[in-house]
Amino acid sequence: MSEFSGLRALVTGGASGIGRATAELLAGRGAEVAVIDLDPSGVEDPLVPVRADVTDDTEVRAAVAEAAERLDGIDILVNNAGIGAVGTVEDNPDEQWHRVLDVNVLGIVRASRAALPYLRASAHAAIVNTCSIAATAGLPQRALYSASKGAVLSLTLAMAADHVREGIRVNCVNPGTADTPWVARLLDAADDPEAERAALNARQPMGRLVTAQEVAAAIVYLAGPAAASVTGTALAVDGGMAGLRLRPPGR
């Protein structure tokens, strides 16, 4: 029997990048998996595609209910939907601040509160939020994005405290810079994409970007039975960026 046999998972933002890698890994380990995304058209069997915009509470509630009906319940919620932003506090207008916080923070709130009735009925209930190393490290040109992910980290801890006695575990992962479609678009927009990629690689002590599959593996661990005593935890998947302070090469 596979580790996740009999468990039902819902992944937001699951049509690409970290979300897609997570959904596929969960399915590969035996879970039934539904994916909520703005455009789930590329999601294929055995994944169950459901369309919703996480900034629309009505759509989210309907999508979670549809996923629960098609899966016959929900045991695991992965809150992965998110968007990025580049700039200092001078660079992003109020409208962009509202948009990023609406997706990255309130998107988690909407999906979680819609899923909680189903999670309370589960003997194995887990929520995993995709946070970021930006929540714990000061990164240049990421003021808005970092603020949103700092909120996700605090929200994760508060949710873990609120729901631990209901048997619902809540954790998050803090990826470093991951090789995802959003980062690819960021590199494409740079004046010198090769130099920008080299700088991003060098920023992480392991010397390379994190892969979506590596982040997915951490999410799946936190969602699974092996992490039954883990709640209120932020797991860094960042090539050592958060905790290591290396000397310059050759010194």
Protein backbone atom coordinates (compact mmCIF):
# COMPACT_ATOMS: atom_id res chain seq x y z
CA MET A 1 0.00 0.00 0.00
CA SER A 2 1.29 3.47 -0.90
CA GLU A 3 1.91 6.05 1.81
CA PHE A 4 -1.04 8.24 0.79
CA SER A 5 -3.52 5.54 -0.21
CA GLY A 6 -7.01 6.51 0.88
CA LEU A 7 -6.08 10.18 1.38
CA ARG A 8 -7.56 13.03 -0.62
CA ALA A 9 -5.57 16.18 -1.36
CA LEU A 10 -6.38 19.59 -2.78
CA VAL A 11 -3.61 21.78 -4.24
CA THR A 12 -4.21 25.42 -5.13
CA GLY A 13 -2.10 26.88 -7.91
CA GLY A 14 -1.48 23.30 -8.94
CA ALA A 15 -1.36 23.60 -12.72
CA SER A 16 2.34 24.52 -12.96
CA GLY A 17 5.60 24.92 -11.05
CA ILE A 18 5.76 23.84 -7.42
CA GLY A 19 2.03 23.19 -7.26
CA ARG A 20 2.07 20.86 -10.25
CA ALA A 21 5.12 19.00 -8.94
CA THR A 22 3.37 18.61 -5.57
CA ALA A 23 0.11 17.38 -7.08
CA GLU A 24 1.93 14.83 -9.22
CA LEU A 25 4.05 13.59 -6.31
CA LEU A 26 1.00 13.19 -4.08
CA ALA A 27 -0.80 11.26 -6.81
CA GLY A 28 2.30 9.14 -7.41
CA ARG A 29 2.29 8.17 -3.74
CA GLY A 30 -1.32 7.05 -3.80
CA ALA A 31 -3.41 10.13 -2.98
CA GLU A 32 -6.44 11.26 -4.92
CA VAL A 33 -5.64 14.83 -5.92
CA ALA A 34 -7.69 17.79 -7.10
CA VAL A 35 -6.04 20.92 -8.47
CA ILE A 36 -7.52 24.42 -8.21
CA ASP A 37 -6.06 26.90 -10.66
CA LEU A 38 -7.01 29.93 -12.73
CA ASP A 39 -6.27 27.84 -15.81
CA PRO A 40 -6.37 24.10 -15.09
CA SER A 41 -6.75 23.18 -18.77
CA GLY A 42 -3.39 21.41 -18.88
CA VAL A 43 -4.13 19.27 -15.80
CA GLU A 44 -4.53 15.64 -16.81
CA ASP A 45 -5.73 12.39 -15.28
CA PRO A 46 -5.27 11.20 -12.56
CA LEU A 47 -5.38 14.80 -11.28
CA VAL A 48 -8.84 16.38 -11.00
CA PRO A 49 -8.91 19.93 -12.44
CA VAL A 50 -11.12 22.62 -10.87
CA ARG A 51 -11.09 26.25 -11.96
CA ALA A 52 -11.18 29.12 -9.46
CA ASP A 53 -9.64 32.50 -8.75
CA VAL A 54 -8.35 32.50 -5.16
CA THR A 55 -9.21 36.22 -4.87
CA ASP A 56 -12.92 35.41 -5.27
CA ASP A 57 -14.42 33.90 -2.12
CA THR A 58 -17.53 32.62 -3.89
CA GLU A 59 -15.45 30.85 -6.53
CA VAL A 60 -13.12 29.37 -3.91
CA ARG A 61 -15.99 28.00 -1.81
CA ALA A 62 -17.61 26.48 -4.88
CA ALA A 63 -14.33 24.99 -6.11
CA VAL A 64 -13.47 23.45 -2.73
CA ALA A 65 -16.97 21.99 -2.48
CA GLU A 66 -16.65 20.57 -6.00
CA ALA A 67 -13.26 19.07 -5.21
CA ALA A 68 -14.59 17.55 -1.98
CA GLU A 69 -17.52 16.05 -3.84
CA ARG A 70 -15.36 14.57 -6.59
CA LEU A 71 -12.81 13.20 -4.10
CA ASP A 72 -15.42 12.26 -1.48
CA GLY A 73 -13.73 14.48 1.11
CA ILE A 74 -10.50 16.38 1.76
CA ASP A 75 -7.67 15.26 4.06
CA ILE A 76 -4.87 17.53 2.84
CA LEU A 77 -4.88 21.14 1.67
CA VAL A 78 -1.80 22.58 -0.01
CA ASN A 79 -2.08 26.37 -0.28
CA ASN A 80 0.33 27.02 -3.10
CA ALA A 81 -1.33 29.67 -5.26
CA GLY A 82 0.74 32.83 -5.29
CA ILE A 83 2.20 35.63 -7.38
CA GLY A 84 5.44 37.56 -7.23
CA ALA A 85 6.49 41.19 -7.24
CA VAL A 86 9.75 43.01 -7.83
CA GLY A 87 10.78 46.33 -6.33
CA THR A 88 11.45 48.41 -3.23
CA VAL A 89 8.71 50.12 -1.23
CA GLU A 90 8.96 53.01 -3.72
CA ASP A 91 8.28 50.91 -6.78
CA ASN A 92 4.98 49.10 -6.33
CA PRO A 93 1.72 51.10 -6.43
CA ASP A 94 -1.04 50.52 -3.91
CA GLU A 95 -3.04 48.52 -6.45
CA GLN A 96 -0.21 46.01 -6.78
CA TRP A 97 0.15 45.75 -3.00
CA HIS A 98 -3.54 44.97 -2.72
CA ARG A 99 -3.35 42.40 -5.53
CA VAL A 100 -0.32 40.49 -4.18
CA LEU A 101 -1.62 40.41 -0.61
CA ASP A 102 -5.04 39.36 -1.91
CA VAL A 103 -3.57 36.36 -3.73
CA ASN A 104 -0.71 35.36 -1.44
CA VAL A 105 -2.34 35.88 1.97
CA LEU A 106 -6.10 36.10 1.59
CA GLY A 107 -5.99 33.30 -0.98
CA ILE A 108 -4.76 31.02 1.82
CA VAL A 109 -7.47 32.32 4.14
CA ARG A 110 -10.24 31.67 1.61
CA ALA A 111 -9.12 28.17 0.66
CA SER A 112 -8.47 27.17 4.27
CA ARG A 113 -11.78 28.32 5.69
CA ALA A 114 -13.63 26.61 2.83
CA ALA A 115 -11.71 23.37 3.44
CA LEU A 116 -11.86 23.34 7.25
CA PRO A 117 -15.25 21.58 7.53
CA TYR A 118 -13.89 18.72 5.43
CA LEU A 119 -10.57 18.63 7.27
CA ARG A 120 -12.35 18.43 10.62
CA ALA A 121 -14.04 15.25 9.38
CA SER A 122 -10.68 13.66 8.47
CA ALA A 123 -8.63 11.33 10.64
CA HIS A 124 -5.53 12.68 8.87
CA ALA A 125 -5.90 16.43 8.42
CA ALA A 126 -3.03 18.60 7.23
CA ILE A 127 -2.56 22.04 5.71
CA VAL A 128 0.73 23.03 4.09
CA ASN A 129 1.29 26.62 2.96
CA THR A 130 3.91 27.62 0.41
CA CYS A 131 5.83 30.43 2.08
CA SER A 132 9.33 31.63 1.12
CA ILE A 133 12.81 32.32 2.39
CA ALA A 134 11.75 35.95 1.81
CA ALA A 135 9.74 35.65 5.04
CA THR A 136 12.91 35.29 7.12
CA ALA A 137 15.71 36.92 5.09
CA GLY A 138 15.97 40.44 3.71
CA LEU A 139 16.16 40.15 -0.07
CA PRO A 140 16.78 43.14 -2.33
CA GLN A 141 13.98 44.30 -4.64
CA ARG A 142 11.38 42.10 -2.94
CA ALA A 143 9.65 44.42 -0.44
CA LEU A 144 6.06 43.59 -1.41
CA TYR A 145 6.67 39.90 -1.99
CA SER A 146 8.56 39.59 1.30
CA ALA A 147 5.79 41.34 3.21
CA SER A 148 3.23 38.91 1.80
CA LYS A 149 5.32 35.88 2.69
CA GLY A 150 6.08 37.21 6.16
CA ALA A 151 2.33 37.31 6.64
CA VAL A 152 2.05 33.72 5.39
CA LEU A 153 4.60 32.57 7.98
CA SER A 154 2.75 34.29 10.83
CA LEU A 155 -0.58 33.03 9.52
CA THR A 156 0.76 29.47 9.45
CA LEU A 157 1.77 29.63 13.11
CA ALA A 158 -1.56 31.16 14.15
CA MET A 159 -3.53 28.54 12.20
CA ALA A 160 -1.46 25.76 13.75
CA ALA A 161 -2.34 27.04 17.22
CA ASP A 162 -6.01 27.50 16.37
CA HIS A 163 -6.57 24.05 14.92
CA VAL A 164 -4.15 21.69 16.67
CA ARG A 165 -6.84 20.49 19.10
CA GLU A 166 -9.09 19.74 16.16
CA GLY A 167 -6.48 17.32 14.86
CA ILE A 168 -5.46 19.58 11.98
CA ARG A 169 -1.73 20.12 11.47
CA VAL A 170 -0.58 23.34 9.78
CA ASN A 171 2.94 23.87 8.46
CA CYS A 172 4.71 25.75 5.68
CA VAL A 173 7.71 25.38 3.42
CA ASN A 174 10.16 28.22 2.77
CA PRO A 175 11.70 27.69 -0.65
CA GLY A 176 14.72 29.61 -1.77
CA THR A 177 14.76 30.83 -5.35
CA ALA A 178 13.16 27.98 -7.26
CA ASP A 179 13.43 27.17 -10.94
CA THR A 180 9.78 27.83 -11.76
CA PRO A 181 7.91 29.53 -14.63
CA TRP A 182 7.70 32.78 -12.61
CA VAL A 183 11.48 32.89 -12.10
CA ALA A 184 11.96 32.04 -15.78
CA ARG A 185 9.83 35.06 -16.73
CA LEU A 186 11.81 37.20 -14.29
CA LEU A 187 15.06 36.11 -15.92
CA ASP A 188 13.71 36.70 -19.41
CA ALA A 189 12.85 40.29 -18.44
CA ALA A 190 16.34 41.00 -17.04
CA ASP A 191 18.82 43.11 -19.02
CA ASP A 192 21.31 40.23 -18.85
CA PRO A 193 19.44 36.94 -18.18
CA GLU A 194 22.65 34.88 -17.95
CA ALA A 195 24.19 37.21 -15.37
CA GLU A 196 20.92 37.35 -13.40
CA ARG A 197 20.69 33.54 -13.29
CA ALA A 198 24.31 33.33 -12.16
CA ALA A 199 23.59 35.83 -9.37
CA LEU A 200 20.53 33.89 -8.22
CA ASN A 201 22.52 30.64 -8.25
CA ALA A 202 25.33 32.20 -6.25
CA ARG A 203 22.94 33.61 -3.64
CA GLN A 204 22.19 30.10 -2.39
CA PRO A 205 25.14 28.37 -0.68
CA MET A 206 24.64 25.18 -2.70
CA GLY A 207 25.27 27.26 -5.80
CA ARG A 208 22.10 26.52 -7.75
CA LEU A 209 18.39 27.18 -7.82
CA VAL A 210 16.05 24.91 -5.91
CA THR A 211 13.94 22.63 -8.10
CA ALA A 212 10.16 22.46 -7.97
CA GLN A 213 10.44 18.74 -7.25
CA GLU A 214 12.63 19.37 -4.20
CA VAL A 215 10.09 21.80 -2.76
CA ALA A 216 7.30 19.36 -3.58
CA ALA A 217 9.09 16.62 -1.64
CA ALA A 218 9.15 18.83 1.46
CA ILE A 219 5.48 19.73 1.08
CA VAL A 220 4.51 16.09 0.69
CA TYR A 221 6.52 15.14 3.77
CA LEU A 222 4.72 17.76 5.88
CA ALA A 223 1.37 16.64 4.47
CA GLY A 224 1.96 12.96 5.08
CA PRO A 225 1.63 10.42 7.89
CA ALA A 226 5.38 10.51 8.57
CA ALA A 227 4.97 14.08 9.86
CA ALA A 228 2.11 13.23 12.22
CA SER A 229 3.78 15.09 15.12
CA VAL A 230 4.90 18.10 13.08
CA THR A 231 2.83 21.29 13.29
CA GLY A 232 3.63 24.98 13.43
CA THR A 233 6.87 24.38 11.55
CA ALA A 234 8.52 26.26 8.67
CA LEU A 235 10.75 23.93 6.64
CA ALA A 236 13.41 25.74 4.61
CA VAL A 237 14.23 24.29 1.19
CA ASP A 238 16.74 26.92 0.19
CA GLY A 239 20.15 25.39 -0.43
CA GLY A 240 21.31 26.62 2.99
CA MET A 241 20.44 30.26 2.39
CA ALA A 242 18.63 30.85 5.68
CA GLY A 243 21.15 29.34 8.06
CA LEU A 244 24.61 29.21 6.48
CA ARG A 245 27.19 32.00 6.50
CA LEU A 246 30.02 30.84 4.24
CA ARG A 247 33.38 32.52 3.75
CA PRO A 248 34.10 33.79 0.23
CA PRO A 249 35.61 31.06 -2.01
CA GLY A 250 39.32 30.52 -1.38
CA ARG A 251 39.30 32.02 2.12
